[in-house]
C-alpha atoms as a PDB file:
ATOM      1  CA  MET A   1      23.650 186.887  76.544  1.00  0.00           C
ATOM      2  CA  GLY A   2      25.980 188.947  79.116  1.00  0.00           C
ATOM      3  CA  THR A   3      28.538 191.530  78.213  1.00  0.00           C
ATOM      4  CA  ALA A   4      32.202 190.259  77.323  1.00  0.00           C
ATOM      5  CA  LYS A   5      34.924 191.583  79.170  1.00  0.00           C
ATOM      6  CA  ALA A   6      37.951 193.344  78.066  1.00  0.00           C
ATOM      7  CA  VAL A   7      41.064 191.572  78.178  1.00  0.00           C
ATOM      8  CA  PRO A   8      44.136 193.773  78.810  1.00  0.00           C
ATOM      9  CA  PHE A   9      47.371 192.993  76.712  1.00  0.00           C
ATOM     10  CA  PHE A  10      50.749 193.704  77.365  1.00  0.00           C
ATOM     11  CA  PHE A  11      53.267 194.606  74.587  1.00  0.00           C
ATOM     12  CA  VAL A  12      56.883 194.130  75.098  1.00  0.00           C
ATOM     13  CA  SER A  13      59.341 195.831  72.710  1.00  0.00           C
ATOM     14  CA  THR A  14      62.417 193.974  71.563  1.00  0.00           C
ATOM     15  CA  ASP A  15      64.335 197.113  71.108  1.00  0.00           C
ATOM     16  CA  THR A  16      64.738 198.148  74.859  1.00  0.00           C
ATOM     17  CA  PRO A  17      66.112 195.250  77.163  1.00  0.00           C
ATOM     18  CA  MET A  18      63.895 193.823  79.543  1.00  0.00           C
ATOM     19  CA  GLN A  19      64.517 194.779  83.164  1.00  0.00           C
ATOM     20  CA  GLN A  20      65.945 191.911  85.129  1.00  0.00           C
ATOM     21  CA  ILE A  21      63.841 190.848  88.214  1.00  0.00           C
ATOM     22  CA  PRO A  22      65.746 190.494  91.477  1.00  0.00           C
ATOM     23  CA  ARG A  23      65.640 187.360  93.231  1.00  0.00           C
ATOM     24  CA  THR A  24      65.557 187.222  96.981  1.00  0.00           C
ATOM     25  CA  LEU A  25      68.088 184.449  97.915  1.00  0.00           C
ATOM     26  CA  SER A  26      68.146 182.768 101.311  1.00  0.00           C
ATOM     27  CA  PRO A  27      70.778 183.498 103.965  1.00  0.00           C
ATOM     28  CA  ARG A  28      72.597 179.999 103.259  1.00  0.00           C
ATOM     29  CA  VAL A  29      72.701 179.947  99.524  1.00  0.00           C
ATOM     30  CA  ALA A  30      73.825 183.767  99.856  1.00  0.00           C
ATOM     31  CA  ARG A  31      76.974 183.018 102.004  1.00  0.00           C
ATOM     32  CA  LEU A  32      78.061 180.113 100.014  1.00  0.00           C
ATOM     33  CA  ARG A  33      78.176 182.308  96.904  1.00  0.00           C
ATOM     34  CA  GLY A  34      80.016 184.946  98.419  1.00  0.00           C
ATOM     35  CA  ALA A  35      82.753 182.740  99.853  1.00  0.00           C
ATOM     36  CA  ARG A  36      83.160 181.231  96.376  1.00  0.00           C
ATOM     37  CA  ASN A  37      83.260 184.569  94.706  1.00  0.00           C
ATOM     38  CA  ASP A  38      85.613 185.540  97.317  1.00  0.00           C
ATOM     39  CA  LYS A  39      88.328 182.845  96.452  1.00  0.00           C
ATOM     40  CA  PRO A  40      91.108 184.357  94.434  1.00  0.00           C
ATOM     41  CA  TYR A  41      91.478 182.292  91.097  1.00  0.00           C
ATOM     42  CA  LYS A  42      94.877 180.835  90.927  1.00  0.00           C
ATOM     43  CA  GLY A  43      95.075 179.482  87.226  1.00  0.00           C
ATOM     44  CA  THR A  44      94.027 175.870  86.416  1.00  0.00           C
ATOM     45  CA  PRO A  45      92.551 173.965  89.291  1.00  0.00           C
ATOM     46  CA  GLU A  46      94.221 171.049  90.522  1.00  0.00           C
ATOM     47  CA  LEU A  47      92.222 167.921  89.609  1.00  0.00           C
ATOM     48  CA  PRO A  48      91.387 164.758  91.976  1.00  0.00           C
ATOM     49  CA  ALA A  49      93.088 161.628  91.637  1.00  0.00           C
ATOM     50  CA  ARG A  50      90.819 159.467  89.387  1.00  0.00           C
ATOM     51  CA  THR A  51      90.604 155.624  89.949  1.00  0.00           C
ATOM     52  CA  CYS A  52      89.300 153.384  87.270  1.00  0.00           C
ATOM     53  CA  THR A  53      85.710 153.752  86.724  1.00  0.00           C
ATOM     54  CA  LEU A  54      83.241 151.986  84.675  1.00  0.00           C
ATOM     55  CA  ALA A  55      81.165 154.291  82.177  1.00  0.00           C
ATOM     56  CA  ALA A  56      78.036 152.995  80.442  1.00  0.00           C
ATOM     57  CA  SER A  57      77.387 155.108  77.170  1.00  0.00           C
ATOM     58  CA  GLY A  58      74.787 153.333  74.868  1.00  0.00           C
ATOM     59  CA  GLY A  59      74.736 150.183  76.340  1.00  0.00           C
ATOM     60  CA  ASN A  60      78.396 149.652  76.220  1.00  0.00           C
ATOM     61  CA  LEU A  61      80.925 149.568  79.067  1.00  0.00           C
ATOM     62  CA  ALA A  62      84.022 151.304  78.787  1.00  0.00           C
ATOM     63  CA  VAL A  63      86.753 151.446  81.576  1.00  0.00           C
ATOM     64  CA  ILE A  64      88.484 155.180  82.370  1.00  0.00           C
ATOM     65  CA  CYS A  65      91.938 154.526  83.929  1.00  0.00           C
ATOM     66  CA  HIS A  66      94.203 157.321  84.960  1.00  0.00           C
ATOM     67  CA  PRO A  67      97.593 156.793  83.300  1.00  0.00           C
ATOM     68  CA  ASP A  68      99.228 156.594  86.945  1.00  0.00           C
ATOM     69  CA  LYS A  69      96.773 153.484  88.070  1.00  0.00           C
ATOM     70  CA  LEU A  70      97.563 152.035  84.631  1.00  0.00           C
ATOM     71  CA  SER A  71     101.564 152.479  85.001  1.00  0.00           C
ATOM     72  CA  LEU A  72     101.365 150.873  88.736  1.00  0.00           C
ATOM     73  CA  ARG A  73      98.948 148.010  87.828  1.00  0.00           C
ATOM     74  CA  MET A  74     101.747 146.814  84.836  1.00  0.00           C
ATOM     75  CA  GLY A  75     104.450 147.284  87.468  1.00  0.00           C
ATOM     76  CA  PHE A  76     102.505 144.722  89.711  1.00  0.00           C
ATOM     77  CA  THR A  77     102.040 142.441  86.594  1.00  0.00           C
ATOM     78  CA  ARG A  78     105.819 142.309  85.939  1.00  0.00           C
ATOM     79  CA  THR A  79     106.703 141.661  89.539  1.00  0.00           C
ATOM     80  CA  GLN A  80     103.939 138.792  89.616  1.00  0.00           C
ATOM     81  CA  ILE A  81     105.404 137.387  86.295  1.00  0.00           C
ATOM     82  CA  ALA A  82     109.038 137.574  87.720  1.00  0.00           C
ATOM     83  CA  ILE A  83     108.354 135.700  90.731  1.00  0.00           C
ATOM     84  CA  ALA A  84     106.223 132.817  88.655  1.00  0.00           C
ATOM     85  CA  VAL A  85     109.450 132.504  86.496  1.00  0.00           C
ATOM     86  CA  GLY A  86     111.573 132.363  89.351  1.00  0.00           C
ATOM     87  CA  ALA A  87     109.662 129.600  91.116  1.00  0.00           C
ATOM     88  CA  SER A  88     109.192 127.879  87.929  1.00  0.00           C
ATOM     89  CA  ALA A  89     112.823 127.733  87.380  1.00  0.00           C
ATOM     90  CA  LEU A  90     113.330 126.601  91.236  1.00  0.00           C
ATOM     91  CA  LEU A  91     111.009 123.865  90.496  1.00  0.00           C
ATOM     92  CA  VAL A  92     112.819 122.389  87.512  1.00  0.00           C
ATOM     93  CA  PHE A  93     116.041 122.696  89.052  1.00  0.00           C
ATOM     94  CA  GLY A  94     115.118 120.883  92.160  1.00  0.00           C
ATOM     95  CA  PHE A  95     113.110 118.090  90.074  1.00  0.00           C
ATOM     96  CA  LEU A  96     116.481 117.888  87.970  1.00  0.00           C
ATOM     97  CA  GLY A  97     118.857 117.359  91.182  1.00  0.00           C
ATOM     98  CA  TYR A  98     116.591 114.789  92.424  1.00  0.00           C
ATOM     99  CA  ILE A  99     116.765 112.739  89.167  1.00  0.00           C
ATOM    100  CA  TRP A 100     120.694 113.294  89.489  1.00  0.00           C
ATOM    101  CA  TRP A 101     120.273 111.742  93.108  1.00  0.00           C
ATOM    102  CA  LEU A 102     118.307 108.865  92.144  1.00  0.00           C
ATOM    103  CA  SER A 103     120.803 107.983  89.114  1.00  0.00           C
ATOM    104  CA  ASN A 104     123.379 107.697  91.807  1.00  0.00           C
ATOM    105  CA  GLN A 105     121.458 105.307  94.073  1.00  0.00           C
ATOM    106  CA  GLY A 106     121.030 101.417  94.365  1.00  0.00           C
ATOM    107  CA  PRO A 107     118.146  99.390  93.270  1.00  0.00           C
ATOM    108  CA  VAL A 108     116.640  99.610  96.734  1.00  0.00           C
ATOM    109  CA  LEU A 109     115.997 103.129  98.281  1.00  0.00           C
ATOM    110  CA  ALA A 110     114.734 102.112 101.591  1.00  0.00           C
ATOM    111  CA  ARG A 111     113.881  99.283 103.661  1.00  0.00           C
ATOM    112  CA  SER A 112     111.383  99.042 106.525  1.00  0.00           C
ATOM    113  CA  GLU A 113     112.608  98.703 110.167  1.00  0.00           C
ATOM    114  CA  ASP A 114     110.285  95.930 110.746  1.00  0.00           C
ATOM    115  CA  HIS A 115     111.371  92.484 109.618  1.00  0.00           C
ATOM    116  CA  ASP A 116     109.738  89.168 109.364  1.00  0.00           C
ATOM    117  CA  PRO A 117     110.613  87.057 112.544  1.00  0.00           C
ATOM    118  CA  LEU A 118     110.819  83.788 110.522  1.00  0.00           C
ATOM    119  CA  THR A 119     112.719  84.843 107.620  1.00  0.00           C
ATOM    120  CA  GLY A 120     114.482  88.286 108.662  1.00  0.00           C
ATOM    121  CA  LEU A 121     113.524  90.056 105.439  1.00  0.00           C
ATOM    122  CA  PRO A 122     112.025  93.544 105.723  1.00  0.00           C
ATOM    123  CA  VAL A 123     108.242  94.147 105.921  1.00  0.00           C
ATOM    124  CA  SER A 124     108.507  96.342 103.196  1.00  0.00           C
ATOM    125  CA  ILE A 125     110.882  97.967 100.644  1.00  0.00           C
ATOM    126  CA  ARG A 126     110.820 101.221  98.594  1.00  0.00           C
ATOM    127  CA  MET A 127     112.622 100.755  95.327  1.00  0.00           C
ATOM    128  CA  ASN A 128     114.436 103.078  93.014  1.00  0.00           C
ATOM    129  CA  PRO A 129     112.180 103.842  89.959  1.00  0.00           C
ATOM    130  CA  LEU A 130     115.238 104.394  87.656  1.00  0.00           C
ATOM    131  CA  ARG A 131     117.059 101.176  88.723  1.00  0.00           C
ATOM    132  CA  ASP A 132     118.132  98.477  85.722  1.00  0.00           C
ATOM    133  CA  ARG A 133     115.345  96.519  85.418  1.00  0.00           C
ATOM    134  CA  THR A 134     116.961  93.877  83.317  1.00  0.00           C
ATOM    135  CA  ILE A 135     117.484  91.525  86.288  1.00  0.00           C
ATOM    136  CA  GLU A 136     113.583  91.532  87.305  1.00  0.00           C
ATOM    137  CA  HIS A 137     112.758  91.126  83.766  1.00  0.00           C
ATOM    138  CA  SER A 138     114.642  87.765  83.252  1.00  0.00           C
ATOM    139  CA  ALA A 139     113.352  86.485  86.693  1.00  0.00           C
ATOM    140  CA  ASN A 140     109.631  87.462  85.868  1.00  0.00           C
ATOM    141  CA  LEU A 141     109.873  85.885  82.496  1.00  0.00           C
ATOM    142  CA  PHE A 142     110.952  82.947  84.373  1.00  0.00           C
ATOM    143  CA  LEU A 143     108.403  83.109  86.838  1.00  0.00           C
ATOM    144  CA  ARG A 144     105.529  83.452  83.951  1.00  0.00           C
ATOM    145  CA  GLN A 145     106.953  80.015  82.364  1.00  0.00           C
ATOM    146  CA  LEU A 146     106.381  78.387  85.575  1.00  0.00           C
ATOM    147  CA  ARG A 147     102.898  79.836  86.141  1.00  0.00           C
ATOM    148  CA  ASP A 148     101.803  78.804  82.642  1.00  0.00           C
ATOM    149  CA  GLY A 149     102.944  75.294  82.795  1.00  0.00           C
ATOM    150  CA  HIS A 150     105.928  75.320  80.830  1.00  0.00           C
ATOM    151  CA  CYS A 151     108.610  74.102  83.675  1.00  0.00           C
ATOM    152  CA  ASP A 152     109.536  71.202  81.685  1.00  0.00           C
ATOM    153  CA  GLU A 153     111.099  73.188  78.776  1.00  0.00           C
ATOM    154  CA  LEU A 154     112.006  76.033  80.939  1.00  0.00           C
ATOM    155  CA  LEU A 155     114.591  73.545  83.142  1.00  0.00           C
ATOM    156  CA  ALA A 156     115.458  71.281  80.376  1.00  0.00           C
ATOM    157  CA  GLY A 157     118.923  72.491  80.468  1.00  0.00           C
ATOM    158  CA  TRP A 158     119.140  71.523  84.256  1.00  0.00           C
ATOM    159  CA  GLU A 159     118.853  67.848  83.255  1.00  0.00           C
ATOM    160  CA  HIS A 160     122.258  67.479  82.165  1.00  0.00           C
ATOM    161  CA  ASP A 161     123.772  68.485  85.510  1.00  0.00           C
ATOM    162  CA  TYR A 162     123.583  68.679  89.338  1.00  0.00           C
ATOM    163  CA  ARG A 163     120.524  70.095  89.447  1.00  0.00           C
ATOM    164  CA  ARG A 164     118.460  67.158  87.468  1.00  0.00           C
ATOM    165  CA  LYS A 165     116.509  65.979  90.527  1.00  0.00           C
ATOM    166  CA  TYR A 166     116.039  69.464  91.655  1.00  0.00           C
ATOM    167  CA  ALA A 167     114.292  70.373  88.389  1.00  0.00           C
ATOM    168  CA  HIS A 168     112.209  67.062  88.514  1.00  0.00           C
ATOM    169  CA  PHE A 169     111.012  68.232  92.203  1.00  0.00           C
ATOM    170  CA  ILE A 170     110.192  71.555  91.232  1.00  0.00           C
ATOM    171  CA  CYS A 171     107.957  70.775  88.103  1.00  0.00           C
ATOM    172  CA  ASN A 172     106.076  68.206  90.346  1.00  0.00           C
ATOM    173  CA  SER A 173     105.619  70.784  93.155  1.00  0.00           C
ATOM    174  CA  GLU A 174     104.546  73.518  90.779  1.00  0.00           C
ATOM    175  CA  ALA A 175     101.792  71.197  89.503  1.00  0.00           C
ATOM    176  CA  GLN A 176     100.623  70.540  92.896  1.00  0.00           C
ATOM    177  CA  HIS A 177     100.715  74.250  93.957  1.00  0.00           C
ATOM    178  CA  PRO A 178     100.343  76.462  91.128  1.00  0.00           C
ATOM    179  CA  LEU A 179     101.887  79.774  91.269  1.00  0.00           C
ATOM    180  CA  LEU A 180      99.374  82.528  91.190  1.00  0.00           C
ATOM    181  CA  SER A 181     101.174  85.869  91.440  1.00  0.00           C
ATOM    182  CA  TRP A 182     104.159  87.073  93.129  1.00  0.00           C
ATOM    183  CA  GLU A 183     105.711  90.709  94.200  1.00  0.00           C
ATOM    184  CA  LEU A 184     109.319  91.536  95.059  1.00  0.00           C
ATOM    185  CA  ALA A 185     110.227  91.895  98.551  1.00  0.00           C
ATOM    186  CA  GLU A 186     113.881  91.971  98.724  1.00  0.00           C
ATOM    187  CA  TRP A 187     116.807  92.371  96.475  1.00  0.00           C
ATOM    188  CA  GLU A 188     120.468  91.138  97.303  1.00  0.00           C
ATOM    189  CA  SER A 189     123.299  91.412  95.454  1.00  0.00           C
ATOM    190  CA  ALA A 190     126.250  89.271  95.437  1.00  0.00           C
ATOM    191  CA  ALA A 191     128.544  89.533  92.730  1.00  0.00           C
ATOM    192  CA  PRO A 192     128.394  87.847  90.063  1.00  0.00           C
ATOM    193  CA  LEU A 193     124.939  86.872  91.663  1.00  0.00           C
ATOM    194  CA  THR A 194     121.895  88.687  92.301  1.00  0.00           C
ATOM    195  CA  ILE A 195     119.086  87.015  94.405  1.00  0.00           C
ATOM    196  CA  LEU A 196     115.599  88.173  94.059  1.00  0.00           C
ATOM    197  CA  HIS A 197     113.353  87.258  97.148  1.00  0.00           C
ATOM    198  CA  TYR A 198     109.641  87.065  96.108  1.00  0.00           C
ATOM    199  CA  ARG A 199     106.418  86.719  98.291  1.00  0.00           C
ATOM    200  CA  GLY A 200     103.942  84.756  96.426  1.00  0.00           C
ATOM    201  CA  LYS A 201     100.610  83.294  96.236  1.00  0.00           C
ATOM    202  CA  ARG A 202      99.526  79.617  95.563  1.00  0.00           C
ATOM    203  CA  LEU A 203      96.802  77.406  95.184  1.00  0.00           C
ATOM    204  CA  THR A 204      96.596  74.652  98.063  1.00  0.00           C
ATOM    205  CA  GLY A 205      96.030  72.141  95.144  1.00  0.00           C
ATOM    206  CA  PRO A 206      95.119  71.915  91.189  1.00  0.00           C
ATOM    207  CA  GLY A 207      91.433  72.720  90.746  1.00  0.00           C
ATOM    208  CA  GLN A 208      91.063  74.203  94.328  1.00  0.00           C
ATOM    209  CA  SER A 209      89.976  78.017  94.936  1.00  0.00           C
ATOM    210  CA  THR A 210      91.926  78.404  98.373  1.00  0.00           C
ATOM    211  CA  THR A 211      95.368  79.897  98.264  1.00  0.00           C
ATOM    212  CA  TYR A 212      98.210  80.370 100.547  1.00  0.00           C
ATOM    213  CA  ARG A 213     101.434  82.756 100.680  1.00  0.00           C
ATOM    214  CA  GLU A 214     104.888  81.745 100.809  1.00  0.00           C
ATOM    215  CA  LEU A 215     108.417  83.080 100.256  1.00  0.00           C
ATOM    216  CA  PHE A 216     110.893  81.794  97.350  1.00  0.00           C
ATOM    217  CA  THR A 217     113.935  83.048  95.650  1.00  0.00           C
ATOM    218  CA  VAL A 218     115.299  83.353  92.069  1.00  0.00           C
ATOM    219  CA  THR A 219     119.036  83.544  91.800  1.00  0.00           C
ATOM    220  CA  THR A 220     120.240  85.259  88.523  1.00  0.00           C
ATOM    221  CA  GLU A 221     124.152  85.334  87.307  1.00  0.00           C
ATOM    222  CA  ASN A 222     125.412  87.730  84.581  1.00  0.00           C
ATOM    223  CA  LYS A 223     126.795  85.240  81.672  1.00  0.00           C
ATOM    224  CA  ASP A 224     128.199  87.053  78.422  1.00  0.00           C
ATOM    225  CA  GLY A 225     126.433  90.140  79.415  1.00  0.00           C
ATOM    226  CA  GLN A 226     122.928  88.592  80.060  1.00  0.00           C
ATOM    227  CA  TRP A 227     121.485  87.678  82.984  1.00  0.00           C
ATOM    228  CA  VAL A 228     120.037  84.105  83.208  1.00  0.00           C
ATOM    229  CA  VAL A 229     118.170  82.417  86.483  1.00  0.00           C
ATOM    230  CA  THR A 230     120.474  79.775  87.637  1.00  0.00           C
ATOM    231  CA  LYS A 231     118.658  78.688  90.927  1.00  0.00           C
ATOM    232  CA  TYR A 232     114.846  78.702  92.180  1.00  0.00           C
ATOM    233  CA  ASP A 233     114.104  77.958  95.679  1.00  0.00           C
ATOM    234  CA  ALA A 234     110.493  77.376  97.053  1.00  0.00           C
ATOM    235  CA  MET A 235     108.944  75.883 100.374  1.00  0.00           C
ATOM    236  CA  TYR A 236     105.848  74.744  98.908  1.00  0.00           C
END
């Protein structure tokens, strides 16, 4: 076996401070350090403006906002709320003004410029949604009873005056050409009467499936505060 070589040991005493070994710095690092060390210290350095950032700590997100940014956002929020409140108030007042205007209008708001060449009635009309519908309810009740086959009972009161023959004619014609549906075509006021013009659809004959359209009128009169039907005109 070969002879073991002696390994030198170095002992450093703790009583004597170790001599610092100088390091050689690159010229660029030396210039940067020199510029930093030469700049005079002027108290607390000015912090740059910060914006809201997200900081992750232990899997949780936290929002860090500068107080000035938070105040600015609160100002924007108040402005937006004021704009929304003002716009809502404007809409409410506009709607109330429109309701007030409708309440001062007649039952018909507008009539089309085009008219039927035979009858002279407007092709279409636009009714006031706030109109008094009492007259229409009375006319519709009369028409529903005609449609449901109650003509004789409905016109029984006409048997005792000049409308007796006309009442028989109406009931016979309604049996031959049953009324199916109707829609309001024109509103004519002639106090104390109100004449409602309708476009109706009828069967060409009892038990048949074919239909045709015609115009008819219902005349109502205000008697003791109630609107009653006093006349019914149809062409059949």
